[in-house]
């Protein structure tokens, strides 16, 4: 089943110099393992291909049901140096929530996931 990330998680983002910081939090505790499985560093880097110039690093926060991503080379030098419209990286959370993931039908039904 196709599932929109925005339907199972919320997110926040901001800047840390030239790095965008994106937190993704499962809307329900039981949905967190899907985030862990589906949102790999590679998958997130592919999602932002052409937008970031550096690597992606993922940190797991199971006690919060969240993942935190650092998108290196995302802000063209950082808030005070960048000429980008979003120099503080606030839009990265919304952009990540646009991702669509594939979840096996039986698992999606058992967890009550909304379909895309």
PDB file of N, CA and C in Angstrom:
ATOM      1  N   UNK A   1       0.831  -1.168   0.000  1.00  0.00           N
ATOM      2  CA  UNK A   1       0.000   0.000   0.000  1.00  0.00           C
ATOM      3  C   UNK A   1       0.886   1.245   0.000  1.00  0.00           C
ATOM      4  N   UNK A   2       0.512   2.210  -0.774  1.00  0.00           N
ATOM      5  CA  UNK A   2       1.219   3.495  -0.796  1.00  0.00           C
ATOM      6  C   UNK A   2       0.698   4.338   0.371  1.00  0.00           C
ATOM      7  N   UNK A   3       1.638   4.878   1.151  1.00  0.00           N
ATOM      8  CA  UNK A   3       1.295   5.687   2.317  1.00  0.00           C
ATOM      9  C   UNK A   3       2.074   6.989   2.244  1.00  0.00           C
ATOM     10  N   UNK A   4       1.366   8.101   2.393  1.00  0.00           N
ATOM     11  CA  UNK A   4       2.048   9.397   2.422  1.00  0.00           C
ATOM     12  C   UNK A   4       2.639   9.599   3.817  1.00  0.00           C
ATOM     13  N   UNK A   5       3.869  10.006   3.866  1.00  0.00           N
ATOM     14  CA  UNK A   5       4.534  10.236   5.141  1.00  0.00           C
ATOM     15  C   UNK A   5       3.765  11.246   5.993  1.00  0.00           C
ATOM     16  N   UNK A   6       3.194  12.250   5.365  1.00  0.00           N
ATOM     17  CA  UNK A   6       2.444  13.280   6.092  1.00  0.00           C
ATOM     18  C   UNK A   6       1.248  12.694   6.845  1.00  0.00           C
ATOM     19  N   UNK A   7       0.756  11.521   6.424  1.00  0.00           N
ATOM     20  CA  UNK A   7      -0.387  10.907   7.087  1.00  0.00           C
ATOM     21  C   UNK A   7      -0.011  10.074   8.307  1.00  0.00           C
ATOM     22  N   UNK A   8       1.296   9.805   8.486  1.00  0.00           N
ATOM     23  CA  UNK A   8       1.699   8.983   9.636  1.00  0.00           C
ATOM     24  C   UNK A   8       2.741   9.667  10.522  1.00  0.00           C
ATOM     25  N   UNK A   9       3.154  10.884  10.136  1.00  0.00           N
ATOM     26  CA  UNK A   9       4.200  11.570  10.905  1.00  0.00           C
ATOM     27  C   UNK A   9       4.036  13.079  10.779  1.00  0.00           C
ATOM     28  N   UNK A  10       4.653  13.770  11.696  1.00  0.00           N
ATOM     29  CA  UNK A  10       4.806  15.211  11.535  1.00  0.00           C
ATOM     30  C   UNK A  10       6.288  15.513  11.640  1.00  0.00           C
ATOM     31  N   UNK A  11       6.668  16.731  11.269  1.00  0.00           N
ATOM     32  CA  UNK A  11       8.091  17.041  11.193  1.00  0.00           C
ATOM     33  C   UNK A  11       8.338  18.514  11.494  1.00  0.00           C
ATOM     34  N   UNK A  12       9.558  18.786  11.900  1.00  0.00           N
ATOM     35  CA  UNK A  12      10.040  20.155  12.141  1.00  0.00           C
ATOM     36  C   UNK A  12      11.444  20.244  11.569  1.00  0.00           C
ATOM     37  N   UNK A  13      11.810  21.419  11.122  1.00  0.00           N
ATOM     38  CA  UNK A  13      13.172  21.579  10.610  1.00  0.00           C
ATOM     39  C   UNK A  13      13.688  22.974  10.904  1.00  0.00           C
ATOM     40  N   UNK A  14      14.995  23.091  10.823  1.00  0.00           N
ATOM     41  CA  UNK A  14      15.645  24.367  11.061  1.00  0.00           C
ATOM     42  C   UNK A  14      17.095  24.296  10.623  1.00  0.00           C
ATOM     43  N   UNK A  15      17.842  25.331  10.955  1.00  0.00           N
ATOM     44  CA  UNK A  15      19.218  25.403  10.477  1.00  0.00           C
ATOM     45  C   UNK A  15      20.224  25.245  11.602  1.00  0.00           C
ATOM     46  N   UNK A  16      21.336  24.693  11.237  1.00  0.00           N
ATOM     47  CA  UNK A  16      22.534  24.587  12.071  1.00  0.00           C
ATOM     48  C   UNK A  16      23.700  24.894  11.153  1.00  0.00           C
ATOM     49  N   UNK A  17      23.957  26.171  10.905  1.00  0.00           N
ATOM     50  CA  UNK A  17      24.996  26.551   9.951  1.00  0.00           C
ATOM     51  C   UNK A  17      24.573  26.180   8.547  1.00  0.00           C
ATOM     52  N   UNK A  18      25.383  25.391   7.868  1.00  0.00           N
ATOM     53  CA  UNK A  18      25.083  24.962   6.503  1.00  0.00           C
ATOM     54  C   UNK A  18      24.307  23.646   6.490  1.00  0.00           C
ATOM     55  N   UNK A  19      23.884  23.181   7.650  1.00  0.00           N
ATOM     56  CA  UNK A  19      23.197  21.904   7.782  1.00  0.00           C
ATOM     57  C   UNK A  19      21.749  22.125   8.186  1.00  0.00           C
ATOM     58  N   UNK A  20      20.834  21.472   7.466  1.00  0.00           N
ATOM     59  CA  UNK A  20      19.424  21.498   7.863  1.00  0.00           C
ATOM     60  C   UNK A  20      19.202  20.333   8.819  1.00  0.00           C
ATOM     61  N   UNK A  21      18.454  20.586   9.855  1.00  0.00           N
ATOM     62  CA  UNK A  21      18.108  19.609  10.875  1.00  0.00           C
ATOM     63  C   UNK A  21      16.620  19.301  10.706  1.00  0.00           C
ATOM     64  N   UNK A  22      16.270  18.018  10.444  1.00  0.00           N
ATOM     65  CA  UNK A  22      14.876  17.650  10.222  1.00  0.00           C
ATOM     66  C   UNK A  22      14.489  16.536  11.189  1.00  0.00           C
ATOM     67  N   UNK A  23      13.514  16.810  12.036  1.00  0.00           N
ATOM     68  CA  UNK A  23      12.971  15.805  12.941  1.00  0.00           C
ATOM     69  C   UNK A  23      11.661  15.278  12.393  1.00  0.00           C
ATOM     70  N   UNK A  24      11.507  13.954  12.381  1.00  0.00           N
ATOM     71  CA  UNK A  24      10.290  13.299  11.912  1.00  0.00           C
ATOM     72  C   UNK A  24       9.746  12.469  13.069  1.00  0.00           C
ATOM     73  N   UNK A  25       8.499  12.720  13.445  1.00  0.00           N
ATOM     74  CA  UNK A  25       7.911  12.093  14.630  1.00  0.00           C
ATOM     75  C   UNK A  25       6.667  11.313  14.215  1.00  0.00           C
ATOM     76  N   UNK A  26       6.604  10.043  14.587  1.00  0.00           N
ATOM     77  CA  UNK A  26       5.442   9.211  14.274  1.00  0.00           C
ATOM     78  C   UNK A  26       4.212   9.748  14.999  1.00  0.00           C
ATOM     79  N   UNK A  27       3.080   9.778  14.305  1.00  0.00           N
ATOM     80  CA  UNK A  27       1.845  10.246  14.923  1.00  0.00           C
ATOM     81  C   UNK A  27       1.303   9.240  15.932  1.00  0.00           C
ATOM     82  N   UNK A  28       1.645   7.952  15.739  1.00  0.00           N
ATOM     83  CA  UNK A  28       1.284   6.895  16.692  1.00  0.00           C
ATOM     84  C   UNK A  28       2.529   6.075  16.976  1.00  0.00           C
ATOM     85  N   UNK A  29       2.687   5.670  18.232  1.00  0.00           N
ATOM     86  CA  UNK A  29       3.871   4.895  18.642  1.00  0.00           C
ATOM     87  C   UNK A  29       4.113   3.683  17.752  1.00  0.00           C
ATOM     88  N   UNK A  30       3.023   2.987  17.397  1.00  0.00           N
ATOM     89  CA  UNK A  30       3.161   1.748  16.623  1.00  0.00           C
ATOM     90  C   UNK A  30       3.597   2.013  15.184  1.00  0.00           C
ATOM     91  N   UNK A  31       3.593   3.249  14.756  1.00  0.00           N
ATOM     92  CA  UNK A  31       4.039   3.581  13.403  1.00  0.00           C
ATOM     93  C   UNK A  31       5.531   3.909  13.349  1.00  0.00           C
ATOM     94  N   UNK A  32       6.155   4.089  14.481  1.00  0.00           N
ATOM     95  CA  UNK A  32       7.589   4.426  14.514  1.00  0.00           C
ATOM     96  C   UNK A  32       8.464   3.386  13.803  1.00  0.00           C
ATOM     97  N   UNK A  33       8.250   2.073  14.007  1.00  0.00           N
ATOM     98  CA  UNK A  33       9.104   1.104  13.295  1.00  0.00           C
ATOM     99  C   UNK A  33       9.047   1.240  11.774  1.00  0.00           C
ATOM    100  N   UNK A  34       7.944   1.710  11.239  1.00  0.00           N
ATOM    101  CA  UNK A  34       7.849   1.932   9.794  1.00  0.00           C
ATOM    102  C   UNK A  34       8.772   3.073   9.384  1.00  0.00           C
ATOM    103  N   UNK A  35       8.815   4.124  10.190  1.00  0.00           N
ATOM    104  CA  UNK A  35       9.730   5.230   9.901  1.00  0.00           C
ATOM    105  C   UNK A  35      11.169   4.741   9.915  1.00  0.00           C
ATOM    106  N   UNK A  36      11.519   3.955  10.925  1.00  0.00           N
ATOM    107  CA  UNK A  36      12.884   3.433  11.040  1.00  0.00           C
ATOM    108  C   UNK A  36      13.245   2.607   9.807  1.00  0.00           C
ATOM    109  N   UNK A  37      12.325   1.769   9.380  1.00  0.00           N
ATOM    110  CA  UNK A  37      12.585   0.887   8.242  1.00  0.00           C
ATOM    111  C   UNK A  37      12.631   1.652   6.917  1.00  0.00           C
ATOM    112  N   UNK A  38      11.739   2.588   6.716  1.00  0.00           N
ATOM    113  CA  UNK A  38      11.578   3.231   5.415  1.00  0.00           C
ATOM    114  C   UNK A  38      12.427   4.486   5.205  1.00  0.00           C
ATOM    115  N   UNK A  39      12.758   5.183   6.269  1.00  0.00           N
ATOM    116  CA  UNK A  39      13.489   6.450   6.125  1.00  0.00           C
ATOM    117  C   UNK A  39      14.975   6.252   6.413  1.00  0.00           C
ATOM    118  N   UNK A  40      15.636   5.609   5.504  1.00  0.00           N
ATOM    119  CA  UNK A  40      17.083   5.405   5.634  1.00  0.00           C
ATOM    120  C   UNK A  40      17.807   6.682   5.204  1.00  0.00           C
ATOM    121  N   UNK A  41      19.071   6.763   5.543  1.00  0.00           N
ATOM    122  CA  UNK A  41      19.883   7.902   5.112  1.00  0.00           C
ATOM    123  C   UNK A  41      19.884   8.006   3.585  1.00  0.00           C
ATOM    124  N   UNK A  42      20.023   6.868   2.928  1.00  0.00           N
ATOM    125  CA  UNK A  42      20.063   6.857   1.456  1.00  0.00           C
ATOM    126  C   UNK A  42      18.733   7.336   0.870  1.00  0.00           C
ATOM    127  N   UNK A  43      17.629   6.853   1.431  1.00  0.00           N
ATOM    128  CA  UNK A  43      16.307   7.228   0.906  1.00  0.00           C
ATOM    129  C   UNK A  43      16.070   8.734   1.061  1.00  0.00           C
ATOM    130  N   UNK A  44      16.454   9.282   2.199  1.00  0.00           N
ATOM    131  CA  UNK A  44      16.277  10.715   2.427  1.00  0.00           C
ATOM    132  C   UNK A  44      17.215  11.509   1.515  1.00  0.00           C
ATOM    133  N   UNK A  45      18.448  11.048   1.352  1.00  0.00           N
ATOM    134  CA  UNK A  45      19.389  11.716   0.441  1.00  0.00           C
ATOM    135  C   UNK A  45      18.853  11.705  -0.984  1.00  0.00           C
ATOM    136  N   UNK A  46      18.291  10.575  -1.407  1.00  0.00           N
ATOM    137  CA  UNK A  46      17.704  10.495  -2.751  1.00  0.00           C
ATOM    138  C   UNK A  46      16.527  11.454  -2.894  1.00  0.00           C
ATOM    139  N   UNK A  47      15.740  11.567  -1.845  1.00  0.00           N
ATOM    140  CA  UNK A  47      14.581  12.470  -1.864  1.00  0.00           C
ATOM    141  C   UNK A  47      15.018  13.920  -2.068  1.00  0.00           C
ATOM    142  N   UNK A  48      16.178  14.273  -1.508  1.00  0.00           N
ATOM    143  CA  UNK A  48      16.683  15.643  -1.607  1.00  0.00           C
ATOM    144  C   UNK A  48      17.803  15.808  -2.640  1.00  0.00           C
ATOM    145  N   UNK A  49      17.942  14.839  -3.537  1.00  0.00           N
ATOM    146  CA  UNK A  49      18.972  14.925  -4.583  1.00  0.00           C
ATOM    147  C   UNK A  49      18.799  16.220  -5.372  1.00  0.00           C
ATOM    148  N   UNK A  50      19.900  16.933  -5.568  1.00  0.00           N
ATOM    149  CA  UNK A  50      19.874  18.187  -6.294  1.00  0.00           C
ATOM    150  C   UNK A  50      19.587  19.392  -5.411  1.00  0.00           C
ATOM    151  N   UNK A  51      19.185  19.138  -4.164  1.00  0.00           N
ATOM    152  CA  UNK A  51      18.869  20.216  -3.227  1.00  0.00           C
ATOM    153  C   UNK A  51      19.968  20.362  -2.180  1.00  0.00           C
ATOM    154  N   UNK A  52      20.535  19.222  -1.773  1.00  0.00           N
ATOM    155  CA  UNK A  52      21.636  19.262  -0.807  1.00  0.00           C
ATOM    156  C   UNK A  52      22.914  18.778  -1.484  1.00  0.00           C
ATOM    157  N   UNK A  53      24.045  19.271  -1.003  1.00  0.00           N
ATOM    158  CA  UNK A  53      25.321  18.903  -1.626  1.00  0.00           C
ATOM    159  C   UNK A  53      26.137  17.940  -0.783  1.00  0.00           C
ATOM    160  N   UNK A  54      25.738  17.718   0.454  1.00  0.00           N
ATOM    161  CA  UNK A  54      26.507  16.859   1.353  1.00  0.00           C
ATOM    162  C   UNK A  54      25.771  15.577   1.696  1.00  0.00           C
ATOM    163  N   UNK A  55      26.221  14.955   2.754  1.00  0.00           N
ATOM    164  CA  UNK A  55      25.670  13.676   3.184  1.00  0.00           C
ATOM    165  C   UNK A  55      24.456  13.871   4.096  1.00  0.00           C
ATOM    166  N   UNK A  56      23.777  12.763   4.358  1.00  0.00           N
ATOM    167  CA  UNK A  56      22.657  12.731   5.294  1.00  0.00           C
ATOM    168  C   UNK A  56      23.042  11.810   6.442  1.00  0.00           C
ATOM    169  N   UNK A  57      22.824  12.256   7.654  1.00  0.00           N
ATOM    170  CA  UNK A  57      23.083  11.448   8.853  1.00  0.00           C
ATOM    171  C   UNK A  57      21.781  11.306   9.617  1.00  0.00           C
ATOM    172  N   UNK A  58      21.451  10.076  10.020  1.00  0.00           N
ATOM    173  CA  UNK A  58      20.213   9.796  10.744  1.00  0.00           C
ATOM    174  C   UNK A  58      20.505   9.420  12.189  1.00  0.00           C
ATOM    175  N   UNK A  59      19.685   9.941  13.085  1.00  0.00           N
ATOM    176  CA  UNK A  59      19.745   9.590  14.498  1.00  0.00           C
ATOM    177  C   UNK A  59      18.381   9.079  14.923  1.00  0.00           C
ATOM    178  N   UNK A  60      18.362   7.950  15.627  1.00  0.00           N
ATOM    179  CA  UNK A  60      17.107   7.371  16.097  1.00  0.00           C
ATOM    180  C   UNK A  60      16.834   7.818  17.525  1.00  0.00           C
ATOM    181  N   UNK A  61      15.582   8.171  17.786  1.00  0.00           N
ATOM    182  CA  UNK A  61      15.126   8.591  19.113  1.00  0.00           C
ATOM    183  C   UNK A  61      13.894   7.762  19.476  1.00  0.00           C
ATOM    184  N   UNK A  62      14.093   6.474  19.772  1.00  0.00           N
ATOM    185  CA  UNK A  62      12.952   5.589  19.991  1.00  0.00           C
ATOM    186  C   UNK A  62      12.058   6.006  21.166  1.00  0.00           C
ATOM    187  N   UNK A  63      12.645   6.602  22.184  1.00  0.00           N
ATOM    188  CA  UNK A  63      11.836   7.034  23.330  1.00  0.00           C
ATOM    189  C   UNK A  63      10.862   8.152  22.945  1.00  0.00           C
ATOM    190  N   UNK A  64      11.137   8.855  21.854  1.00  0.00           N
ATOM    191  CA  UNK A  64      10.253   9.912  21.357  1.00  0.00           C
ATOM    192  C   UNK A  64       9.454   9.459  20.127  1.00  0.00           C
ATOM    193  N   UNK A  65       9.746   8.266  19.621  1.00  0.00           N
ATOM    194  CA  UNK A  65       9.107   7.804  18.395  1.00  0.00           C
ATOM    195  C   UNK A  65       9.507   8.675  17.214  1.00  0.00           C
ATOM    196  N   UNK A  66      10.780   9.085  17.194  1.00  0.00           N
ATOM    197  CA  UNK A  66      11.223  10.062  16.204  1.00  0.00           C
ATOM    198  C   UNK A  66      12.571   9.694  15.587  1.00  0.00           C
ATOM    199  N   UNK A  67      12.807  10.280  14.431  1.00  0.00           N
ATOM    200  CA  UNK A  67      14.104  10.221  13.766  1.00  0.00           C
ATOM    201  C   UNK A  67      14.556  11.655  13.556  1.00  0.00           C
ATOM    202  N   UNK A  68      15.845  11.884  13.637  1.00  0.00           N
ATOM    203  CA  UNK A  68      16.404  13.198  13.357  1.00  0.00           C
ATOM    204  C   UNK A  68      17.429  13.051  12.247  1.00  0.00           C
ATOM    205  N   UNK A  69      17.300  13.891  11.238  1.00  0.00           N
ATOM    206  CA  UNK A  69      18.212  13.862  10.101  1.00  0.00           C
ATOM    207  C   UNK A  69      18.990  15.158  10.029  1.00  0.00           C
ATOM    208  N   UNK A  70      20.290  15.040   9.764  1.00  0.00           N
ATOM    209  CA  UNK A  70      21.118  16.195   9.455  1.00  0.00           C
ATOM    210  C   UNK A  70      21.417  16.142   7.964  1.00  0.00           C
ATOM    211  N   UNK A  71      20.996  17.190   7.256  1.00  0.00           N
ATOM    212  CA  UNK A  71      21.210  17.287   5.817  1.00  0.00           C
ATOM    213  C   UNK A  71      22.360  18.262   5.590  1.00  0.00           C
ATOM    214  N   UNK A  72      23.552  17.717   5.422  1.00  0.00           N
ATOM    215  CA  UNK A  72      24.749  18.546   5.267  1.00  0.00           C
ATOM    216  C   UNK A  72      24.785  19.189   3.882  1.00  0.00           C
ATOM    217  N   UNK A  73      25.240  20.420   3.849  1.00  0.00           N
ATOM    218  CA  UNK A  73      25.322  21.133   2.584  1.00  0.00           C
ATOM    219  C   UNK A  73      23.958  21.506   2.027  1.00  0.00           C
ATOM    220  N   UNK A  74      23.009  21.770   2.906  1.00  0.00           N
ATOM    221  CA  UNK A  74      21.641  22.058   2.480  1.00  0.00           C
ATOM    222  C   UNK A  74      21.332  23.546   2.383  1.00  0.00           C
ATOM    223  N   UNK A  75      22.145  24.387   3.038  1.00  0.00           N
ATOM    224  CA  UNK A  75      21.741  25.781   3.197  1.00  0.00           C
ATOM    225  C   UNK A  75      22.680  26.785   2.535  1.00  0.00           C
ATOM    226  N   UNK A  76      23.490  26.319   1.619  1.00  0.00           N
ATOM    227  CA  UNK A  76      24.346  27.224   0.836  1.00  0.00           C
ATOM    228  C   UNK A  76      25.165  28.168   1.716  1.00  0.00           C
ATOM    229  N   UNK A  77      25.749  27.597   2.766  1.00  0.00           N
ATOM    230  CA  UNK A  77      26.612  28.389   3.643  1.00  0.00           C
ATOM    231  C   UNK A  77      25.982  28.764   4.974  1.00  0.00           C
ATOM    232  N   UNK A  78      24.674  28.653   5.088  1.00  0.00           N
ATOM    233  CA  UNK A  78      24.009  28.978   6.343  1.00  0.00           C
ATOM    234  C   UNK A  78      23.200  30.258   6.274  1.00  0.00           C
ATOM    235  N   UNK A  79      22.369  30.453   7.289  1.00  0.00           N
ATOM    236  CA  UNK A  79      21.414  31.548   7.316  1.00  0.00           C
ATOM    237  C   UNK A  79      21.967  32.930   7.067  1.00  0.00           C
ATOM    238  N   UNK A  80      23.127  33.240   7.606  1.00  0.00           N
ATOM    239  CA  UNK A  80      23.675  34.585   7.436  1.00  0.00           C
ATOM    240  C   UNK A  80      24.449  34.757   6.136  1.00  0.00           C
ATOM    241  N   UNK A  81      24.785  33.652   5.477  1.00  0.00           N
ATOM    242  CA  UNK A  81      25.560  33.718   4.237  1.00  0.00           C
ATOM    243  C   UNK A  81      24.741  33.406   2.988  1.00  0.00           C
ATOM    244  N   UNK A  82      23.696  32.652   3.158  1.00  0.00           N
ATOM    245  CA  UNK A  82      22.951  32.120   2.027  1.00  0.00           C
ATOM    246  C   UNK A  82      22.053  33.153   1.362  1.00  0.00           C
ATOM    247  N   UNK A  83      21.922  33.030   0.062  1.00  0.00           N
ATOM    248  CA  UNK A  83      20.972  33.833  -0.700  1.00  0.00           C
ATOM    249  C   UNK A  83      19.713  33.028  -1.018  1.00  0.00           C
ATOM    250  N   UNK A  84      19.630  31.812  -0.461  1.00  0.00           N
ATOM    251  CA  UNK A  84      18.442  30.995  -0.677  1.00  0.00           C
ATOM    252  C   UNK A  84      17.233  31.648  -0.015  1.00  0.00           C
ATOM    253  N   UNK A  85      16.073  31.429  -0.601  1.00  0.00           N
ATOM    254  CA  UNK A  85      14.830  31.962  -0.036  1.00  0.00           C
ATOM    255  C   UNK A  85      14.585  31.398   1.352  1.00  0.00           C
ATOM    256  N   UNK A  86      14.908  30.123   1.554  1.00  0.00           N
ATOM    257  CA  UNK A  86      14.706  29.466   2.846  1.00  0.00           C
ATOM    258  C   UNK A  86      16.059  29.212   3.495  1.00  0.00           C
ATOM    259  N   UNK A  87      16.737  30.259   3.871  1.00  0.00           N
ATOM    260  CA  UNK A  87      18.100  30.143   4.401  1.00  0.00           C
ATOM    261  C   UNK A  87      18.150  29.464   5.764  1.00  0.00           C
ATOM    262  N   UNK A  88      17.018  29.371   6.469  1.00  0.00           N
ATOM    263  CA  UNK A  88      16.983  28.691   7.768  1.00  0.00           C
ATOM    264  C   UNK A  88      16.473  27.253   7.670  1.00  0.00           C
ATOM    265  N   UNK A  89      16.182  26.786   6.483  1.00  0.00           N
ATOM    266  CA  UNK A  89      15.829  25.381   6.277  1.00  0.00           C
ATOM    267  C   UNK A  89      14.471  24.970   6.801  1.00  0.00           C
ATOM    268  N   UNK A  90      13.537  25.888   6.942  1.00  0.00           N
ATOM    269  CA  UNK A  90      12.226  25.560   7.501  1.00  0.00           C
ATOM    270  C   UNK A  90      11.373  24.692   6.587  1.00  0.00           C
ATOM    271  N   UNK A  91      11.600  24.753   5.293  1.00  0.00           N
ATOM    272  CA  UNK A  91      10.768  24.022   4.347  1.00  0.00           C
ATOM    273  C   UNK A  91      11.162  22.544   4.206  1.00  0.00           C
ATOM    274  N   UNK A  92      12.320  22.165   4.704  1.00  0.00           N
ATOM    275  CA  UNK A  92      12.767  20.773   4.551  1.00  0.00           C
ATOM    276  C   UNK A  92      11.815  19.782   5.215  1.00  0.00           C
ATOM    277  N   UNK A  93      11.197  20.162   6.319  1.00  0.00           N
ATOM    278  CA  UNK A  93      10.252  19.248   6.979  1.00  0.00           C
ATOM    279  C   UNK A  93       9.050  18.984   6.079  1.00  0.00           C
ATOM    280  N   UNK A  94       8.490  20.024   5.499  1.00  0.00           N
ATOM    281  CA  UNK A  94       7.345  19.862   4.607  1.00  0.00           C
ATOM    282  C   UNK A  94       7.740  19.050   3.376  1.00  0.00           C
ATOM    283  N   UNK A  95       8.907  19.317   2.852  1.00  0.00           N
ATOM    284  CA  UNK A  95       9.378  18.588   1.674  1.00  0.00           C
ATOM    285  C   UNK A  95       9.537  17.100   1.974  1.00  0.00           C
ATOM    286  N   UNK A  96      10.056  16.758   3.141  1.00  0.00           N
ATOM    287  CA  UNK A  96      10.225  15.348   3.487  1.00  0.00           C
ATOM    288  C   UNK A  96       8.870  14.673   3.688  1.00  0.00           C
ATOM    289  N   UNK A  97       7.909  15.377   4.271  1.00  0.00           N
ATOM    290  CA  UNK A  97       6.588  14.794   4.497  1.00  0.00           C
ATOM    291  C   UNK A  97       5.840  14.503   3.202  1.00  0.00           C
ATOM    292  N   UNK A  98       6.310  15.011   2.084  1.00  0.00           N
ATOM    293  CA  UNK A  98       5.692  14.714   0.785  1.00  0.00           C
ATOM    294  C   UNK A  98       6.088  13.339   0.254  1.00  0.00           C
ATOM    295  N   UNK A  99       7.047  12.694   0.899  1.00  0.00           N
ATOM    296  CA  UNK A  99       7.489  11.372   0.467  1.00  0.00           C
ATOM    297  C   UNK A  99       6.341  10.362   0.590  1.00  0.00           C
ATOM    298  N   UNK A 100       6.284   9.449  -0.364  1.00  0.00           N
ATOM    299  CA  UNK A 100       5.325   8.341  -0.322  1.00  0.00           C
ATOM    300  C   UNK A 100       6.133   7.065  -0.124  1.00  0.00           C
ATOM    301  N   UNK A 101       5.694   6.247   0.833  1.00  0.00           N
ATOM    302  CA  UNK A 101       6.397   4.993   1.122  1.00  0.00           C
ATOM    303  C   UNK A 101       5.490   3.814   0.806  1.00  0.00           C
ATOM    304  N   UNK A 102       6.101   2.653   0.576  1.00  0.00           N
ATOM    305  CA  UNK A 102       5.372   1.421   0.340  1.00  0.00           C
ATOM    306  C   UNK A 102       5.386   0.591   1.610  1.00  0.00           C
ATOM    307  N   UNK A 103       4.210   0.203   2.058  1.00  0.00           N
ATOM    308  CA  UNK A 103       4.074  -0.644   3.241  1.00  0.00           C
ATOM    309  C   UNK A 103       3.276  -1.869   2.801  1.00  0.00           C
ATOM    310  N   UNK A 104       3.738  -3.066   3.149  1.00  0.00           N
ATOM    311  CA  UNK A 104       2.972  -4.258   2.777  1.00  0.00           C
ATOM    312  C   UNK A 104       1.505  -4.120   3.219  1.00  0.00           C
ATOM    313  N   UNK A 105       0.593  -4.535   2.348  1.00  0.00           N
ATOM    314  CA  UNK A 105      -0.840  -4.354   2.608  1.00  0.00           C
ATOM    315  C   UNK A 105      -1.277  -4.898   3.964  1.00  0.00           C
ATOM    316  N   UNK A 106      -0.872  -6.115   4.282  1.00  0.00           N
ATOM    317  CA  UNK A 106      -1.301  -6.727   5.544  1.00  0.00           C
ATOM    318  C   UNK A 106      -0.813  -5.912   6.744  1.00  0.00           C
ATOM    319  N   UNK A 107       0.437  -5.446   6.696  1.00  0.00           N
ATOM    320  CA  UNK A 107       0.977  -4.634   7.783  1.00  0.00           C
ATOM    321  C   UNK A 107       0.228  -3.307   7.888  1.00  0.00           C
ATOM    322  N   UNK A 108      -0.010  -2.681   6.750  1.00  0.00           N
ATOM    323  CA  UNK A 108      -0.715  -1.394   6.740  1.00  0.00           C
ATOM    324  C   UNK A 108      -2.117  -1.535   7.338  1.00  0.00           C
ATOM    325  N   UNK A 109      -2.816  -2.581   6.967  1.00  0.00           N
ATOM    326  CA  UNK A 109      -4.167  -2.804   7.512  1.00  0.00           C
ATOM    327  C   UNK A 109      -4.125  -3.076   9.010  1.00  0.00           C
ATOM    328  N   UNK A 110      -3.168  -3.907   9.445  1.00  0.00           N
ATOM    329  CA  UNK A 110      -3.092  -4.261  10.871  1.00  0.00           C
ATOM    330  C   UNK A 110      -2.765  -3.070  11.750  1.00  0.00           C
ATOM    331  N   UNK A 111      -2.035  -2.102  11.184  1.00  0.00           N
ATOM    332  CA  UNK A 111      -1.656  -0.902  11.943  1.00  0.00           C
ATOM    333  C   UNK A 111      -2.619   0.272  11.719  1.00  0.00           C
ATOM    334  N   UNK A 112      -3.595   0.066  10.852  1.00  0.00           N
ATOM    335  CA  UNK A 112      -4.563   1.125  10.574  1.00  0.00           C
ATOM    336  C   UNK A 112      -3.990   2.310   9.835  1.00  0.00           C
ATOM    337  N   UNK A 113      -3.032   2.051   8.946  1.00  0.00           N
ATOM    338  CA  UNK A 113      -2.412   3.152   8.196  1.00  0.00           C
ATOM    339  C   UNK A 113      -3.355   3.685   7.130  1.00  0.00           C
ATOM    340  N   UNK A 114      -3.411   4.994   6.963  1.00  0.00           N
ATOM    341  CA  UNK A 114      -4.201   5.573   5.869  1.00  0.00           C
ATOM    342  C   UNK A 114      -3.453   5.405   4.552  1.00  0.00           C
ATOM    343  N   UNK A 115      -4.165   5.130   3.480  1.00  0.00           N
ATOM    344  CA  UNK A 115      -3.500   4.955   2.175  1.00  0.00           C
ATOM    345  C   UNK A 115      -3.432   6.298   1.446  1.00  0.00           C
ATOM    346  N   UNK A 116      -2.461   6.385   0.556  1.00  0.00           N
ATOM    347  CA  UNK A 116      -2.245   7.619  -0.224  1.00  0.00           C
ATOM    348  C   UNK A 116      -3.333   7.836  -1.241  1.00  0.00           C
TER     349      UNK A 116
END
